[in-house]
Amino acid sequence: MILIYEIINLYVMVLILRVWLQIARADFYNPFSQTIVKLTEHITAQPRRLFPARGAIDYASLLIAYVLIFGKFLINSFVSSVGSFDIVGLIVFSVLDFTHLIGQTVFWVMIINVILSWVSQGRNPIDAVIYQLTQPLIGPIKRIVPPVGMIDFSIMIFLFGLYFLNYLHGQVTFFITRALYGI
């Protein structure tokens, strides 16, 4: 069961990447972008007819990602509770897990950015897309804290901020769990 949950989480992260690529207006002719589009196109084509993209946000991909997470929690509630489930709890925890997966996706893209900056130094096609994804997030920090020699503290500062948001997310999850279930 854990393997199925992790596969769902990984695919949701790919859907989040697709939405992020569109928001960042990344190069969709890049091989990395094309891979993300091909991995998600078959599942988002039909919902895109009902929920077309407005501006830069691909609502169909977001909806599919949320439905997958909701389905994961629904399966878990049936398996662990012998068929009984709390719909409010499922909706709330699906939203919390979705926001957590968004944070994880951002974290791993930042880590890939750091690793690629050490290894390829701009000679890899993935570098351009990762740069397009991360620059809007760390650009404002770079203006305040410019790189010192070869060390760029902006990504570190961003990751500390992301870590703090993850801590707050855990606290919110804890308080919601207590409020819903009295644990």
C-alpha atoms as a PDB file:
ATOM      1  CA  MET A   1       0.000   0.000   0.000  1.00  0.00           C
ATOM      2  CA  ILE A   2       2.844   2.371   0.811  1.00  0.00           C
ATOM      3  CA  LEU A   3       4.287   1.884  -2.680  1.00  0.00           C
ATOM      4  CA  ILE A   4       0.955   2.865  -4.238  1.00  0.00           C
ATOM      5  CA  TYR A   5       0.786   5.997  -2.065  1.00  0.00           C
ATOM      6  CA  GLU A   6       4.316   7.003  -3.053  1.00  0.00           C
ATOM      7  CA  ILE A   7       3.573   6.465  -6.749  1.00  0.00           C
ATOM      8  CA  ILE A   8       0.485   8.675  -6.382  1.00  0.00           C
ATOM      9  CA  ASN A   9       2.583  11.318  -4.568  1.00  0.00           C
ATOM     10  CA  LEU A  10       5.222  11.209  -7.317  1.00  0.00           C
ATOM     11  CA  TYR A  11       2.630  11.612 -10.057  1.00  0.00           C
ATOM     12  CA  VAL A  12       0.978  14.461  -8.171  1.00  0.00           C
ATOM     13  CA  MET A  13       4.391  16.144  -7.999  1.00  0.00           C
ATOM     14  CA  VAL A  14       4.685  15.765 -11.789  1.00  0.00           C
ATOM     15  CA  LEU A  15       1.269  17.402 -12.186  1.00  0.00           C
ATOM     16  CA  ILE A  16       2.374  20.209  -9.870  1.00  0.00           C
ATOM     17  CA  LEU A  17       5.492  20.635 -12.013  1.00  0.00           C
ATOM     18  CA  ARG A  18       3.300  20.946 -15.090  1.00  0.00           C
ATOM     19  CA  VAL A  19       1.277  23.722 -13.456  1.00  0.00           C
ATOM     20  CA  TRP A  20       4.470  25.399 -12.234  1.00  0.00           C
ATOM     21  CA  LEU A  21       6.006  25.250 -15.736  1.00  0.00           C
ATOM     22  CA  GLN A  22       2.946  27.003 -17.096  1.00  0.00           C
ATOM     23  CA  ILE A  23       2.902  29.661 -14.362  1.00  0.00           C
ATOM     24  CA  ALA A  24       6.624  30.353 -14.842  1.00  0.00           C
ATOM     25  CA  ARG A  25       6.137  30.470 -18.625  1.00  0.00           C
ATOM     26  CA  ALA A  26       8.979  28.006 -18.993  1.00  0.00           C
ATOM     27  CA  ASP A  27      10.206  26.839 -22.385  1.00  0.00           C
ATOM     28  CA  PHE A  28       7.803  24.058 -23.387  1.00  0.00           C
ATOM     29  CA  TYR A  29      10.105  23.014 -26.257  1.00  0.00           C
ATOM     30  CA  ASN A  30      12.750  21.957 -23.767  1.00  0.00           C
ATOM     31  CA  PRO A  31      13.119  18.134 -23.506  1.00  0.00           C
ATOM     32  CA  PHE A  32      12.428  18.240 -19.738  1.00  0.00           C
ATOM     33  CA  SER A  33       9.235  20.235 -20.244  1.00  0.00           C
ATOM     34  CA  GLN A  34       8.167  17.935 -23.053  1.00  0.00           C
ATOM     35  CA  THR A  35       8.638  14.924 -20.767  1.00  0.00           C
ATOM     36  CA  ILE A  36       6.448  16.484 -18.077  1.00  0.00           C
ATOM     37  CA  VAL A  37       3.763  17.324 -20.650  1.00  0.00           C
ATOM     38  CA  LYS A  38       3.817  13.813 -22.146  1.00  0.00           C
ATOM     39  CA  LEU A  39       3.595  12.203 -18.698  1.00  0.00           C
ATOM     40  CA  THR A  40       0.509  14.239 -17.822  1.00  0.00           C
ATOM     41  CA  GLU A  41      -1.284  14.858 -21.108  1.00  0.00           C
ATOM     42  CA  HIS A  42      -3.241  11.610 -21.219  1.00  0.00           C
ATOM     43  CA  ILE A  43      -4.860  12.167 -17.817  1.00  0.00           C
ATOM     44  CA  THR A  44      -5.498  15.920 -18.148  1.00  0.00           C
ATOM     45  CA  ALA A  45      -6.851  16.084 -21.714  1.00  0.00           C
ATOM     46  CA  GLN A  46     -10.500  15.344 -20.880  1.00  0.00           C
ATOM     47  CA  PRO A  47     -10.753  17.507 -17.722  1.00  0.00           C
ATOM     48  CA  ARG A  48      -9.115  20.379 -19.635  1.00  0.00           C
ATOM     49  CA  ARG A  49     -12.233  20.574 -21.799  1.00  0.00           C
ATOM     50  CA  LEU A  50     -14.375  21.203 -18.715  1.00  0.00           C
ATOM     51  CA  PHE A  51     -11.790  23.277 -16.806  1.00  0.00           C
ATOM     52  CA  PRO A  52      -9.723  25.233 -19.324  1.00  0.00           C
ATOM     53  CA  ALA A  53      -6.638  27.115 -18.242  1.00  0.00           C
ATOM     54  CA  ARG A  54      -7.320  30.687 -17.190  1.00  0.00           C
ATOM     55  CA  GLY A  55      -4.296  32.870 -17.504  1.00  0.00           C
ATOM     56  CA  ALA A  56      -1.260  30.881 -16.479  1.00  0.00           C
ATOM     57  CA  ILE A  57      -2.981  28.353 -14.204  1.00  0.00           C
ATOM     58  CA  ASP A  58      -3.813  24.879 -15.478  1.00  0.00           C
ATOM     59  CA  TYR A  59      -6.896  24.073 -13.414  1.00  0.00           C
ATOM     60  CA  ALA A  60      -7.330  20.608 -14.935  1.00  0.00           C
ATOM     61  CA  SER A  61      -3.913  19.473 -13.678  1.00  0.00           C
ATOM     62  CA  LEU A  62      -4.613  20.913 -10.229  1.00  0.00           C
ATOM     63  CA  LEU A  63      -7.990  19.186 -10.117  1.00  0.00           C
ATOM     64  CA  ILE A  64      -6.545  15.822 -11.161  1.00  0.00           C
ATOM     65  CA  ALA A  65      -3.767  16.180  -8.578  1.00  0.00           C
ATOM     66  CA  TYR A  66      -6.299  16.894  -5.827  1.00  0.00           C
ATOM     67  CA  VAL A  67      -8.562  14.030  -6.913  1.00  0.00           C
ATOM     68  CA  LEU A  68      -5.597  11.631  -6.796  1.00  0.00           C
ATOM     69  CA  ILE A  69      -4.713  12.767  -3.272  1.00  0.00           C
ATOM     70  CA  PHE A  70      -8.349  12.545  -2.189  1.00  0.00           C
ATOM     71  CA  GLY A  71      -8.515   9.044  -3.660  1.00  0.00           C
ATOM     72  CA  LYS A  72      -5.400   8.088  -1.733  1.00  0.00           C
ATOM     73  CA  PHE A  73      -7.005   9.184   1.529  1.00  0.00           C
ATOM     74  CA  LEU A  74     -10.316   7.544   0.592  1.00  0.00           C
ATOM     75  CA  ILE A  75      -8.588   4.205  -0.038  1.00  0.00           C
ATOM     76  CA  ASN A  76      -6.688   4.587   3.211  1.00  0.00           C
ATOM     77  CA  SER A  77      -9.878   5.273   5.171  1.00  0.00           C
ATOM     78  CA  PHE A  78     -11.615   2.220   3.696  1.00  0.00           C
ATOM     79  CA  VAL A  79      -8.629  -0.029   4.375  1.00  0.00           C
ATOM     80  CA  SER A  80      -7.961   1.195   7.904  1.00  0.00           C
ATOM     81  CA  SER A  81     -11.526   1.872   9.113  1.00  0.00           C
ATOM     82  CA  VAL A  82     -13.378  -1.059   7.552  1.00  0.00           C
ATOM     83  CA  GLY A  83     -15.519   1.026   5.234  1.00  0.00           C
ATOM     84  CA  SER A  84     -16.322   4.015   7.435  1.00  0.00           C
ATOM     85  CA  PHE A  85     -14.984   7.449   6.611  1.00  0.00           C
ATOM     86  CA  ASP A  86     -15.341  11.080   7.544  1.00  0.00           C
ATOM     87  CA  ILE A  87     -15.849  13.202   4.407  1.00  0.00           C
ATOM     88  CA  VAL A  88     -14.845  16.467   6.123  1.00  0.00           C
ATOM     89  CA  GLY A  89     -11.637  14.875   7.387  1.00  0.00           C
ATOM     90  CA  LEU A  90     -10.897  13.480   3.929  1.00  0.00           C
ATOM     91  CA  ILE A  91     -11.344  16.877   2.285  1.00  0.00           C
ATOM     92  CA  VAL A  92      -9.298  18.728   4.912  1.00  0.00           C
ATOM     93  CA  PHE A  93      -6.440  16.236   4.988  1.00  0.00           C
ATOM     94  CA  SER A  94      -6.395  16.051   1.194  1.00  0.00           C
ATOM     95  CA  VAL A  95      -5.945  19.828   1.034  1.00  0.00           C
ATOM     96  CA  LEU A  96      -3.210  19.665   3.688  1.00  0.00           C
ATOM     97  CA  ASP A  97      -1.416  16.846   1.855  1.00  0.00           C
ATOM     98  CA  PHE A  98      -1.744  18.737  -1.433  1.00  0.00           C
ATOM     99  CA  THR A  99      -0.097  21.838   0.038  1.00  0.00           C
ATOM    100  CA  HIS A 100       2.591  19.636   1.568  1.00  0.00           C
ATOM    101  CA  LEU A 101       3.315  18.049  -1.827  1.00  0.00           C
ATOM    102  CA  ILE A 102       3.571  21.509  -3.397  1.00  0.00           C
ATOM    103  CA  GLY A 103       6.206  22.372  -0.788  1.00  0.00           C
ATOM    104  CA  GLN A 104       8.037  19.091  -1.409  1.00  0.00           C
ATOM    105  CA  THR A 105       8.042  19.723  -5.157  1.00  0.00           C
ATOM    106  CA  VAL A 106       9.511  23.196  -4.654  1.00  0.00           C
ATOM    107  CA  PHE A 107      12.103  21.766  -2.247  1.00  0.00           C
ATOM    108  CA  TRP A 108      13.276  19.072  -4.659  1.00  0.00           C
ATOM    109  CA  VAL A 109      13.425  21.478  -7.616  1.00  0.00           C
ATOM    110  CA  MET A 110      15.605  23.784  -5.496  1.00  0.00           C
ATOM    111  CA  ILE A 111      17.875  20.874  -4.529  1.00  0.00           C
ATOM    112  CA  ILE A 112      18.152  19.851  -8.191  1.00  0.00           C
ATOM    113  CA  ASN A 113      19.009  23.474  -8.987  1.00  0.00           C
ATOM    114  CA  VAL A 114      21.835  23.417  -6.440  1.00  0.00           C
ATOM    115  CA  ILE A 115      23.206  20.078  -7.664  1.00  0.00           C
ATOM    116  CA  LEU A 116      23.051  21.134 -11.317  1.00  0.00           C
ATOM    117  CA  SER A 117      24.852  24.390 -10.497  1.00  0.00           C
ATOM    118  CA  TRP A 118      27.759  22.331  -9.165  1.00  0.00           C
ATOM    119  CA  VAL A 119      27.803  19.719 -11.913  1.00  0.00           C
ATOM    120  CA  SER A 120      26.674  21.012 -15.284  1.00  0.00           C
ATOM    121  CA  GLN A 121      27.051  24.795 -14.949  1.00  0.00           C
ATOM    122  CA  GLY A 122      24.468  25.624 -17.613  1.00  0.00           C
ATOM    123  CA  ARG A 123      25.409  23.049 -20.247  1.00  0.00           C
ATOM    124  CA  ASN A 124      22.388  20.830 -19.635  1.00  0.00           C
ATOM    125  CA  PRO A 125      18.943  21.508 -21.176  1.00  0.00           C
ATOM    126  CA  ILE A 126      17.331  20.871 -17.795  1.00  0.00           C
ATOM    127  CA  ASP A 127      19.317  23.804 -16.361  1.00  0.00           C
ATOM    128  CA  ALA A 128      17.349  26.335 -18.382  1.00  0.00           C
ATOM    129  CA  VAL A 129      13.977  25.041 -17.211  1.00  0.00           C
ATOM    130  CA  ILE A 130      15.074  24.699 -13.583  1.00  0.00           C
ATOM    131  CA  TYR A 131      16.398  28.269 -13.754  1.00  0.00           C
ATOM    132  CA  GLN A 132      13.059  29.475 -15.170  1.00  0.00           C
ATOM    133  CA  LEU A 133      11.221  27.702 -12.362  1.00  0.00           C
ATOM    134  CA  THR A 134      13.404  28.813  -9.453  1.00  0.00           C
ATOM    135  CA  GLN A 135      14.383  32.333 -10.448  1.00  0.00           C
ATOM    136  CA  PRO A 136      11.006  33.961  -9.640  1.00  0.00           C
ATOM    137  CA  LEU A 137      11.205  32.433  -6.154  1.00  0.00           C
ATOM    138  CA  ILE A 138      14.810  33.225  -5.277  1.00  0.00           C
ATOM    139  CA  GLY A 139      15.235  36.370  -7.390  1.00  0.00           C
ATOM    140  CA  PRO A 140      13.821  38.723  -4.726  1.00  0.00           C
ATOM    141  CA  ILE A 141      16.115  37.153  -2.115  1.00  0.00           C
ATOM    142  CA  LYS A 142      19.115  37.574  -4.450  1.00  0.00           C
ATOM    143  CA  ARG A 143      18.396  41.287  -4.708  1.00  0.00           C
ATOM    144  CA  ILE A 144      18.571  41.588  -0.919  1.00  0.00           C
ATOM    145  CA  VAL A 145      21.409  39.084  -0.316  1.00  0.00           C
ATOM    146  CA  PRO A 146      23.656  38.960  -3.389  1.00  0.00           C
ATOM    147  CA  PRO A 147      26.006  36.003  -3.945  1.00  0.00           C
ATOM    148  CA  VAL A 148      29.236  36.130  -1.945  1.00  0.00           C
ATOM    149  CA  GLY A 149      31.980  34.859  -4.209  1.00  0.00           C
ATOM    150  CA  MET A 150      30.963  31.384  -5.368  1.00  0.00           C
ATOM    151  CA  ILE A 151      28.337  30.908  -2.653  1.00  0.00           C
ATOM    152  CA  ASP A 152      24.719  31.853  -3.261  1.00  0.00           C
ATOM    153  CA  PHE A 153      22.933  32.212   0.068  1.00  0.00           C
ATOM    154  CA  SER A 154      19.574  33.009  -1.543  1.00  0.00           C
ATOM    155  CA  ILE A 155      18.685  29.357  -2.081  1.00  0.00           C
ATOM    156  CA  MET A 156      19.717  28.533   1.476  1.00  0.00           C
ATOM    157  CA  ILE A 157      17.563  31.352   2.841  1.00  0.00           C
ATOM    158  CA  PHE A 158      14.653  30.215   0.673  1.00  0.00           C
ATOM    159  CA  LEU A 159      15.028  26.619   1.893  1.00  0.00           C
ATOM    160  CA  PHE A 160      15.074  27.802   5.525  1.00  0.00           C
ATOM    161  CA  GLY A 161      11.847  29.705   4.819  1.00  0.00           C
ATOM    162  CA  LEU A 162      10.382  26.596   3.221  1.00  0.00           C
ATOM    163  CA  TYR A 163      11.441  24.566   6.257  1.00  0.00           C
ATOM    164  CA  PHE A 164       9.662  27.081   8.503  1.00  0.00           C
ATOM    165  CA  LEU A 165       6.508  26.850   6.376  1.00  0.00           C
ATOM    166  CA  ASN A 166       6.705  23.059   6.622  1.00  0.00           C
ATOM    167  CA  TYR A 167       6.900  23.383  10.414  1.00  0.00           C
ATOM    168  CA  LEU A 168       3.828  25.648  10.402  1.00  0.00           C
ATOM    169  CA  HIS A 169       2.074  23.162   8.134  1.00  0.00           C
ATOM    170  CA  GLY A 170       2.761  20.411  10.671  1.00  0.00           C
ATOM    171  CA  GLN A 171       1.386  22.547  13.489  1.00  0.00           C
ATOM    172  CA  VAL A 172      -1.762  23.382  11.525  1.00  0.00           C
ATOM    173  CA  THR A 173      -2.229  19.681  10.717  1.00  0.00           C
ATOM    174  CA  PHE A 174      -1.830  18.821  14.401  1.00  0.00           C
ATOM    175  CA  PHE A 175      -4.389  21.406  15.532  1.00  0.00           C
ATOM    176  CA  ILE A 176      -6.886  20.427  12.829  1.00  0.00           C
ATOM    177  CA  THR A 177      -6.514  16.771  13.801  1.00  0.00           C
ATOM    178  CA  ARG A 178      -7.188  17.681  17.438  1.00  0.00           C
ATOM    179  CA  ALA A 179     -10.183  19.802  16.468  1.00  0.00           C
ATOM    180  CA  LEU A 180     -11.728  17.155  14.206  1.00  0.00           C
ATOM    181  CA  TYR A 181     -11.011  14.043  16.208  1.00  0.00           C
ATOM    182  CA  GLY A 182     -10.229  15.222  19.734  1.00  0.00           C
ATOM    183  CA  ILE A 183      -6.859  13.460  19.750  1.00  0.00           C
END
